[in-house]
Every structure is written in structure tokens, then in C-alpha cells.
């Protein structure tokens, strides 16, 4: 088994993909009010919300543990509704040298599919693949979908 890997999950959502993308890209600080059990805060440390190079500091719950992570927005593609976050500090880096999260949305008519991609490099061979982050992404997606489907 290699030290580098990639995990991908997709979820069809029953809310507008533009709204989902807008929240993740331009208003990530609102995610805490949408899914407070999962994300407690998102603070801007550098730059502007929704801009390339911006640095965000997140407090979140993963596997029933309070965790933190600092991310830098490394890529934005408005046409693909894509945002890539490079994790530069935080709990996830205890096991991984590199951890990059990309979220994008495919829209076909009324159908919207959220894709989360996790690219990682383990610090050591015995470290587990970060499959629990797939569960976290699905939970985040479902929480945002539920919130926006109510409106």
C-alpha cells in the first residue's frame, strides 16, 4: 500500500447546486449556523472570503472529537463550481503530510451532484486511509442540503 492516495465521494442533492457552492466558496463562515453540530466556526485569517489564497481557520467535530484545521484556498473554478482547500495546519496533519480537499458540483438540468475529493499523503505506512473524512463530507453535504431544502 502506498503513502499517497485519493478518495472520492459523490452525493446527489435536492437543493440548488449554485446555493451550495456559494455557501462553501463565499460564505463558509455561515456553515457553522447551518450545521453547528459538525462545524462550530470558520474564521478568516488572511485574504477575503471566496478569494484565491485566502486562509480559513475551522473548528469542527470529527468522530465525536473537537478538531481544528487551517486551510488555504488553492483553486477556484466558478464554471465547475469548484473550490480546493489545502490543509496547512491542524489535527488532520498528525497522520498526513499532505491533505487537499476539493469540492465541486455538477449540474445537469434539475440534478445537482456534489463531489468531494481528498488527496493525501500519509506520514507513515501504517496510518489509515482517511476514509472517515468521506463520512464527514457526506454529513456536511446532507446538513447543508437539509437546511436549504427547507427554504
N, C-alpha and C. Protein backbone atom coordinates (compact mmCIF):
# COMPACT_ATOMS: atom_id res chain seq x y z
N UNK A 1 0.83 -1.18 0.00
CA UNK A 1 0.00 0.00 0.00
C UNK A 1 0.88 1.25 0.00
N UNK A 2 0.54 2.24 -0.84
CA UNK A 2 1.34 3.45 -0.95
C UNK A 2 1.03 4.49 0.10
N UNK A 3 1.89 5.47 0.16
CA UNK A 3 1.69 6.56 1.11
C UNK A 3 0.76 7.64 0.57
N UNK A 4 0.65 7.73 -0.76
CA UNK A 4 -0.22 8.73 -1.39
C UNK A 4 -1.52 8.07 -1.81
N UNK A 5 -2.60 8.85 -1.74
CA UNK A 5 -3.88 8.30 -2.16
C UNK A 5 -4.88 9.38 -2.46
N UNK A 6 -6.02 8.93 -2.99
CA UNK A 6 -7.12 9.83 -3.33
C UNK A 6 -8.42 9.10 -3.03
N UNK A 7 -9.32 9.78 -2.33
CA UNK A 7 -10.66 9.27 -2.04
C UNK A 7 -11.68 10.23 -2.63
N UNK A 8 -12.76 9.68 -3.17
CA UNK A 8 -13.79 10.49 -3.80
C UNK A 8 -15.15 10.00 -3.35
N UNK A 9 -16.04 10.95 -3.06
CA UNK A 9 -17.43 10.60 -2.77
C UNK A 9 -18.33 11.58 -3.52
N UNK A 10 -19.48 11.08 -3.96
CA UNK A 10 -20.45 11.90 -4.66
C UNK A 10 -21.81 11.74 -4.01
N UNK A 11 -22.56 12.85 -3.94
CA UNK A 11 -23.91 12.82 -3.39
C UNK A 11 -24.81 13.70 -4.24
N UNK A 12 -25.93 13.14 -4.68
CA UNK A 12 -26.92 13.96 -5.35
C UNK A 12 -27.66 14.75 -4.27
N UNK A 13 -27.87 16.03 -4.53
CA UNK A 13 -28.55 16.87 -3.54
C UNK A 13 -29.88 17.38 -4.09
N UNK A 14 -30.79 17.64 -3.17
CA UNK A 14 -32.11 18.14 -3.52
C UNK A 14 -32.23 19.62 -3.22
N UNK A 15 -31.17 20.34 -3.48
CA UNK A 15 -31.20 21.80 -3.41
C UNK A 15 -30.32 22.31 -4.54
N UNK A 16 -30.41 23.56 -4.81
CA UNK A 16 -29.68 24.15 -5.93
C UNK A 16 -28.17 24.09 -5.70
N UNK A 17 -27.45 23.59 -6.69
CA UNK A 17 -26.00 23.48 -6.59
C UNK A 17 -25.32 24.84 -6.50
N UNK A 18 -25.92 25.87 -7.11
CA UNK A 18 -25.35 27.21 -7.02
C UNK A 18 -25.35 27.71 -5.58
N UNK A 19 -26.43 27.43 -4.85
CA UNK A 19 -26.54 27.85 -3.45
C UNK A 19 -25.49 27.11 -2.62
N UNK A 20 -25.33 25.83 -2.87
CA UNK A 20 -24.35 25.02 -2.14
C UNK A 20 -22.94 25.57 -2.37
N UNK A 21 -22.61 25.82 -3.64
CA UNK A 21 -21.29 26.35 -3.99
C UNK A 21 -21.07 27.73 -3.37
N UNK A 22 -22.08 28.57 -3.43
CA UNK A 22 -22.00 29.93 -2.85
C UNK A 22 -21.65 29.85 -1.36
N UNK A 23 -22.28 28.94 -0.66
CA UNK A 23 -22.02 28.80 0.77
C UNK A 23 -20.58 28.36 1.03
N UNK A 24 -20.11 27.34 0.34
CA UNK A 24 -18.76 26.82 0.55
C UNK A 24 -17.70 27.83 0.10
N UNK A 25 -17.91 28.48 -1.03
CA UNK A 25 -16.88 29.40 -1.54
C UNK A 25 -16.93 30.76 -0.86
N UNK A 26 -18.08 31.43 -0.89
CA UNK A 26 -18.15 32.82 -0.47
C UNK A 26 -18.57 33.03 0.98
N UNK A 27 -19.27 32.07 1.56
CA UNK A 27 -19.78 32.26 2.92
C UNK A 27 -19.51 31.06 3.82
N UNK A 28 -18.28 30.55 3.83
CA UNK A 28 -18.00 29.37 4.67
C UNK A 28 -18.22 29.65 6.16
N UNK A 29 -18.12 30.93 6.55
CA UNK A 29 -18.37 31.30 7.95
C UNK A 29 -19.83 31.09 8.34
N UNK A 30 -20.72 30.94 7.37
CA UNK A 30 -22.14 30.67 7.65
C UNK A 30 -22.40 29.17 7.84
N UNK A 31 -21.45 28.33 7.47
CA UNK A 31 -21.63 26.88 7.60
C UNK A 31 -21.91 26.51 9.05
N UNK A 32 -21.28 27.19 9.99
CA UNK A 32 -21.48 26.88 11.42
C UNK A 32 -22.92 27.10 11.84
N UNK A 33 -23.61 28.07 11.26
CA UNK A 33 -25.02 28.27 11.62
C UNK A 33 -25.93 27.27 10.92
N UNK A 34 -25.46 26.68 9.84
CA UNK A 34 -26.24 25.70 9.08
C UNK A 34 -26.10 24.30 9.70
N UNK A 35 -24.87 23.92 10.07
CA UNK A 35 -24.61 22.59 10.65
C UNK A 35 -23.74 22.72 11.91
N UNK A 36 -24.26 23.33 12.97
CA UNK A 36 -23.44 23.62 14.15
C UNK A 36 -22.93 22.39 14.89
N UNK A 37 -23.56 21.25 14.73
CA UNK A 37 -23.06 20.03 15.38
C UNK A 37 -21.79 19.54 14.71
N UNK A 38 -21.60 19.88 13.44
CA UNK A 38 -20.43 19.44 12.68
C UNK A 38 -19.37 20.52 12.58
N UNK A 39 -19.78 21.72 12.26
CA UNK A 39 -18.84 22.84 12.11
C UNK A 39 -19.22 23.91 13.12
N UNK A 40 -18.29 24.22 14.02
CA UNK A 40 -18.58 25.20 15.05
C UNK A 40 -18.19 26.62 14.63
N UNK A 41 -17.16 26.76 13.78
CA UNK A 41 -16.79 28.09 13.30
C UNK A 41 -15.86 27.99 12.10
N UNK A 42 -15.83 29.09 11.35
CA UNK A 42 -14.90 29.26 10.25
C UNK A 42 -14.51 30.72 10.25
N UNK A 43 -13.25 30.99 10.57
CA UNK A 43 -12.77 32.37 10.67
C UNK A 43 -11.77 32.67 9.56
N UNK A 44 -11.85 33.86 9.04
CA UNK A 44 -10.92 34.32 8.02
C UNK A 44 -9.64 34.79 8.69
N UNK A 45 -8.50 34.21 8.30
CA UNK A 45 -7.20 34.62 8.85
C UNK A 45 -6.41 35.51 7.90
N UNK A 46 -6.60 35.31 6.59
CA UNK A 46 -5.92 36.13 5.59
C UNK A 46 -6.81 36.22 4.35
N UNK A 47 -6.71 37.34 3.65
CA UNK A 47 -7.42 37.49 2.39
C UNK A 47 -8.87 37.87 2.56
N UNK A 48 -9.70 37.43 1.61
CA UNK A 48 -11.13 37.70 1.59
C UNK A 48 -11.86 36.37 1.38
N UNK A 49 -13.04 36.24 2.00
CA UNK A 49 -13.84 35.04 1.76
C UNK A 49 -14.06 34.89 0.26
N UNK A 50 -13.88 33.67 -0.22
CA UNK A 50 -14.14 33.36 -1.62
C UNK A 50 -13.03 33.70 -2.59
N UNK A 51 -11.89 34.13 -2.08
CA UNK A 51 -10.78 34.53 -2.95
C UNK A 51 -9.62 33.54 -2.88
N UNK A 52 -8.99 33.35 -4.01
CA UNK A 52 -7.80 32.51 -4.10
C UNK A 52 -6.74 33.00 -3.11
N UNK A 53 -6.12 32.07 -2.41
CA UNK A 53 -5.08 32.41 -1.45
C UNK A 53 -5.58 32.73 -0.06
N UNK A 54 -6.88 32.85 0.12
CA UNK A 54 -7.43 33.15 1.45
C UNK A 54 -7.16 32.00 2.40
N UNK A 55 -6.95 32.35 3.67
CA UNK A 55 -6.67 31.36 4.70
C UNK A 55 -7.83 31.36 5.69
N UNK A 56 -8.38 30.17 5.92
CA UNK A 56 -9.52 29.99 6.82
C UNK A 56 -9.13 29.06 7.96
N UNK A 57 -9.65 29.35 9.14
CA UNK A 57 -9.42 28.51 10.32
C UNK A 57 -10.77 27.95 10.76
N UNK A 58 -10.88 26.62 10.75
CA UNK A 58 -12.13 25.92 11.05
C UNK A 58 -12.05 25.20 12.40
N UNK A 59 -13.14 25.23 13.15
CA UNK A 59 -13.36 24.38 14.32
C UNK A 59 -14.49 23.44 13.94
N UNK A 60 -14.26 22.14 14.08
CA UNK A 60 -15.27 21.18 13.65
C UNK A 60 -15.22 19.94 14.56
N UNK A 61 -16.22 19.11 14.41
CA UNK A 61 -16.29 17.86 15.16
C UNK A 61 -16.16 16.71 14.17
N UNK A 62 -15.23 15.80 14.50
CA UNK A 62 -15.00 14.64 13.64
C UNK A 62 -14.82 13.43 14.55
N UNK A 63 -15.61 12.41 14.29
CA UNK A 63 -15.59 11.19 15.12
C UNK A 63 -15.72 11.54 16.61
N UNK A 64 -16.67 12.45 16.88
CA UNK A 64 -17.01 12.88 18.24
C UNK A 64 -15.88 13.62 18.96
N UNK A 65 -14.89 14.12 18.21
CA UNK A 65 -13.79 14.90 18.79
C UNK A 65 -13.81 16.30 18.20
N UNK A 66 -13.56 17.28 19.05
CA UNK A 66 -13.41 18.66 18.59
C UNK A 66 -12.04 18.77 17.93
N UNK A 67 -12.02 19.32 16.72
CA UNK A 67 -10.77 19.42 15.96
C UNK A 67 -10.66 20.80 15.33
N UNK A 68 -9.45 21.13 14.87
CA UNK A 68 -9.20 22.38 14.17
C UNK A 68 -8.41 22.11 12.91
N UNK A 69 -8.55 23.03 11.96
CA UNK A 69 -7.79 22.93 10.73
C UNK A 69 -7.66 24.32 10.12
N UNK A 70 -6.49 24.59 9.56
CA UNK A 70 -6.27 25.83 8.81
C UNK A 70 -6.14 25.43 7.35
N UNK A 71 -6.91 26.12 6.49
CA UNK A 71 -6.91 25.80 5.07
C UNK A 71 -6.57 27.04 4.25
N UNK A 72 -5.98 26.78 3.10
CA UNK A 72 -5.71 27.86 2.14
C UNK A 72 -6.45 27.51 0.85
N UNK A 73 -7.19 28.47 0.31
CA UNK A 73 -7.90 28.23 -0.95
C UNK A 73 -6.88 28.23 -2.07
N UNK A 74 -6.71 27.06 -2.71
CA UNK A 74 -5.68 26.90 -3.74
C UNK A 74 -6.22 26.95 -5.16
N UNK A 75 -7.52 26.67 -5.32
CA UNK A 75 -8.09 26.70 -6.67
C UNK A 75 -9.57 27.05 -6.56
N UNK A 76 -10.02 27.82 -7.55
CA UNK A 76 -11.43 28.18 -7.69
C UNK A 76 -11.76 28.10 -9.17
N UNK A 77 -12.85 27.43 -9.50
CA UNK A 77 -13.33 27.39 -10.87
C UNK A 77 -14.84 27.62 -10.80
N UNK A 78 -15.24 28.83 -11.12
CA UNK A 78 -16.65 29.20 -10.99
C UNK A 78 -17.53 28.38 -11.94
N UNK A 79 -17.03 28.10 -13.14
CA UNK A 79 -17.81 27.33 -14.11
C UNK A 79 -18.10 25.91 -13.61
N UNK A 80 -17.10 25.28 -13.00
CA UNK A 80 -17.27 23.93 -12.47
C UNK A 80 -17.80 23.92 -11.04
N UNK A 81 -18.00 25.13 -10.48
CA UNK A 81 -18.42 25.26 -9.07
C UNK A 81 -17.45 24.47 -8.20
N UNK A 82 -16.17 24.78 -8.34
CA UNK A 82 -15.10 24.03 -7.69
C UNK A 82 -14.31 24.94 -6.75
N UNK A 83 -13.99 24.40 -5.57
CA UNK A 83 -13.11 25.06 -4.62
C UNK A 83 -12.16 24.00 -4.07
N UNK A 84 -10.86 24.32 -4.04
CA UNK A 84 -9.86 23.41 -3.48
C UNK A 84 -9.21 24.07 -2.27
N UNK A 85 -9.22 23.31 -1.15
CA UNK A 85 -8.63 23.76 0.10
C UNK A 85 -7.40 22.90 0.40
N UNK A 86 -6.26 23.54 0.62
CA UNK A 86 -5.05 22.83 1.04
C UNK A 86 -4.95 23.00 2.56
N UNK A 87 -4.90 21.90 3.28
CA UNK A 87 -4.78 21.98 4.73
C UNK A 87 -3.32 22.24 5.07
N UNK A 88 -3.09 23.35 5.78
CA UNK A 88 -1.73 23.77 6.12
C UNK A 88 -1.38 23.53 7.58
N UNK A 89 -2.39 23.43 8.44
CA UNK A 89 -2.19 23.16 9.86
C UNK A 89 -3.43 22.45 10.40
N UNK A 90 -3.25 21.76 11.52
CA UNK A 90 -4.41 21.19 12.19
C UNK A 90 -4.27 19.73 12.53
N UNK A 91 -5.32 19.23 13.17
CA UNK A 91 -5.32 17.87 13.68
C UNK A 91 -5.13 16.81 12.60
N UNK A 92 -5.68 17.03 11.43
CA UNK A 92 -5.58 16.03 10.36
C UNK A 92 -4.12 15.79 9.96
N UNK A 93 -3.27 16.78 10.18
CA UNK A 93 -1.86 16.64 9.78
C UNK A 93 -1.04 15.84 10.79
N UNK A 94 -1.68 15.33 11.83
CA UNK A 94 -0.97 14.41 12.73
C UNK A 94 -0.65 13.10 12.01
N UNK A 95 -1.52 12.71 11.08
CA UNK A 95 -1.34 11.45 10.35
C UNK A 95 -0.89 11.64 8.89
N UNK A 96 -1.10 12.85 8.36
CA UNK A 96 -0.87 13.06 6.93
C UNK A 96 0.06 14.25 6.70
N UNK A 97 1.00 14.08 5.77
CA UNK A 97 1.91 15.16 5.38
C UNK A 97 1.18 16.17 4.51
N UNK A 98 0.31 15.64 3.66
CA UNK A 98 -0.43 16.47 2.71
C UNK A 98 -1.90 16.06 2.77
N UNK A 99 -2.78 17.06 2.76
CA UNK A 99 -4.21 16.77 2.75
C UNK A 99 -4.89 17.91 2.01
N UNK A 100 -5.44 17.59 0.84
CA UNK A 100 -6.10 18.58 -0.01
C UNK A 100 -7.54 18.13 -0.24
N UNK A 101 -8.46 19.06 -0.04
CA UNK A 101 -9.90 18.78 -0.19
C UNK A 101 -10.44 19.63 -1.33
N UNK A 102 -11.07 18.96 -2.30
CA UNK A 102 -11.71 19.66 -3.40
C UNK A 102 -13.19 19.33 -3.39
N UNK A 103 -14.01 20.36 -3.51
CA UNK A 103 -15.46 20.19 -3.61
C UNK A 103 -15.89 20.82 -4.93
N UNK A 104 -16.65 20.07 -5.71
CA UNK A 104 -17.24 20.67 -6.90
C UNK A 104 -18.63 20.11 -7.13
N UNK A 105 -19.39 20.84 -7.92
CA UNK A 105 -20.79 20.49 -8.16
C UNK A 105 -21.03 20.40 -9.65
N UNK A 106 -21.61 19.28 -10.05
CA UNK A 106 -22.05 19.09 -11.43
C UNK A 106 -23.55 19.30 -11.47
N UNK A 107 -24.00 20.11 -12.43
CA UNK A 107 -25.43 20.38 -12.58
C UNK A 107 -25.85 19.97 -13.98
N UNK A 108 -26.93 19.19 -14.03
CA UNK A 108 -27.50 18.78 -15.30
C UNK A 108 -29.01 18.93 -15.17
N UNK A 109 -29.53 20.05 -15.69
CA UNK A 109 -30.94 20.34 -15.52
C UNK A 109 -31.24 20.60 -14.05
N UNK A 110 -32.16 19.83 -13.48
CA UNK A 110 -32.53 19.98 -12.07
C UNK A 110 -31.70 19.07 -11.17
N UNK A 111 -30.78 18.32 -11.75
CA UNK A 111 -29.96 17.37 -10.98
C UNK A 111 -28.64 18.03 -10.59
N UNK A 112 -28.32 17.96 -9.28
CA UNK A 112 -27.09 18.54 -8.76
C UNK A 112 -26.34 17.47 -7.98
N UNK A 113 -25.06 17.27 -8.32
CA UNK A 113 -24.24 16.27 -7.66
C UNK A 113 -23.01 16.95 -7.06
N UNK A 114 -22.82 16.76 -5.75
CA UNK A 114 -21.65 17.29 -5.05
C UNK A 114 -20.59 16.21 -5.02
N UNK A 115 -19.39 16.54 -5.45
CA UNK A 115 -18.25 15.62 -5.41
C UNK A 115 -17.19 16.19 -4.47
N UNK A 116 -16.77 15.37 -3.52
CA UNK A 116 -15.67 15.71 -2.62
C UNK A 116 -14.51 14.79 -2.97
N UNK A 117 -13.33 15.38 -3.15
CA UNK A 117 -12.11 14.62 -3.44
C UNK A 117 -11.08 14.94 -2.36
N UNK A 118 -10.51 13.90 -1.79
CA UNK A 118 -9.48 14.04 -0.77
C UNK A 118 -8.18 13.45 -1.31
N UNK A 119 -7.19 14.29 -1.49
CA UNK A 119 -5.86 13.84 -1.89
C UNK A 119 -4.98 13.93 -0.65
N UNK A 120 -4.25 12.86 -0.38
CA UNK A 120 -3.48 12.83 0.87
C UNK A 120 -2.16 12.09 0.68
N UNK A 121 -1.26 12.38 1.60
CA UNK A 121 -0.03 11.62 1.70
C UNK A 121 0.17 11.30 3.17
N UNK A 122 0.25 10.02 3.48
CA UNK A 122 0.43 9.58 4.86
C UNK A 122 1.82 9.93 5.36
N UNK A 123 1.92 10.16 6.67
CA UNK A 123 3.24 10.39 7.27
C UNK A 123 4.01 9.08 7.42
N UNK A 124 3.26 7.99 7.59
CA UNK A 124 3.90 6.68 7.72
C UNK A 124 2.96 5.62 7.15
N UNK A 125 3.52 4.51 6.73
CA UNK A 125 2.79 3.44 6.03
C UNK A 125 1.58 2.93 6.82
N UNK A 126 1.71 2.84 8.13
CA UNK A 126 0.65 2.26 8.97
C UNK A 126 -0.54 3.20 9.19
N UNK A 127 -0.40 4.45 8.84
CA UNK A 127 -1.52 5.40 9.01
C UNK A 127 -2.70 4.93 8.16
N UNK A 128 -3.91 5.04 8.69
CA UNK A 128 -5.07 4.60 7.92
C UNK A 128 -5.38 5.56 6.78
N UNK A 129 -6.01 5.04 5.76
CA UNK A 129 -6.54 5.92 4.72
C UNK A 129 -7.62 6.76 5.41
N UNK A 130 -7.77 8.01 5.02
CA UNK A 130 -8.71 8.89 5.73
C UNK A 130 -10.18 8.69 5.31
N UNK A 131 -10.62 7.45 5.36
CA UNK A 131 -11.99 7.14 4.93
C UNK A 131 -13.05 7.79 5.81
N UNK A 132 -12.71 8.07 7.06
CA UNK A 132 -13.70 8.71 7.94
C UNK A 132 -14.03 10.12 7.45
N UNK A 133 -13.15 10.70 6.66
CA UNK A 133 -13.45 12.03 6.10
C UNK A 133 -14.49 11.95 5.00
N UNK A 134 -14.65 10.79 4.39
CA UNK A 134 -15.75 10.59 3.45
C UNK A 134 -17.07 10.74 4.21
N UNK A 135 -17.15 10.08 5.38
CA UNK A 135 -18.35 10.19 6.21
C UNK A 135 -18.61 11.64 6.62
N UNK A 136 -17.54 12.35 6.96
CA UNK A 136 -17.68 13.76 7.33
C UNK A 136 -18.21 14.57 6.15
N UNK A 137 -17.68 14.36 4.96
CA UNK A 137 -18.14 15.09 3.77
C UNK A 137 -19.61 14.80 3.48
N UNK A 138 -20.00 13.54 3.62
CA UNK A 138 -21.40 13.17 3.40
C UNK A 138 -22.29 13.86 4.43
N UNK A 139 -21.84 13.91 5.68
CA UNK A 139 -22.60 14.58 6.74
C UNK A 139 -22.73 16.07 6.47
N UNK A 140 -21.65 16.71 6.05
CA UNK A 140 -21.68 18.14 5.72
C UNK A 140 -22.64 18.38 4.55
N UNK A 141 -22.53 17.56 3.53
CA UNK A 141 -23.40 17.69 2.35
C UNK A 141 -24.86 17.55 2.75
N UNK A 142 -25.17 16.53 3.51
CA UNK A 142 -26.56 16.27 3.94
C UNK A 142 -27.09 17.41 4.80
N UNK A 143 -26.26 17.90 5.71
CA UNK A 143 -26.69 19.00 6.57
C UNK A 143 -27.00 20.26 5.80
N UNK A 144 -26.13 20.60 4.85
CA UNK A 144 -26.36 21.80 4.02
C UNK A 144 -27.59 21.59 3.14
N UNK A 145 -27.70 20.40 2.57
CA UNK A 145 -28.86 20.09 1.72
C UNK A 145 -30.16 20.22 2.54
N UNK A 146 -30.20 19.63 3.72
CA UNK A 146 -31.40 19.68 4.55
C UNK A 146 -31.77 21.12 4.89
N UNK A 147 -30.78 21.92 5.22
CA UNK A 147 -31.03 23.32 5.56
C UNK A 147 -31.63 24.07 4.38
N UNK A 148 -31.06 23.89 3.20
CA UNK A 148 -31.53 24.65 2.04
C UNK A 148 -32.77 24.05 1.39
N UNK A 149 -33.04 22.78 1.61
CA UNK A 149 -34.26 22.17 1.07
C UNK A 149 -35.48 22.70 1.82
N UNK A 150 -35.29 23.16 3.06
CA UNK A 150 -36.40 23.70 3.86
C UNK A 150 -36.85 25.05 3.36
N UNK A 151 -35.98 25.76 2.65
CA UNK A 151 -36.31 27.14 2.22
C UNK A 151 -37.10 27.17 0.96
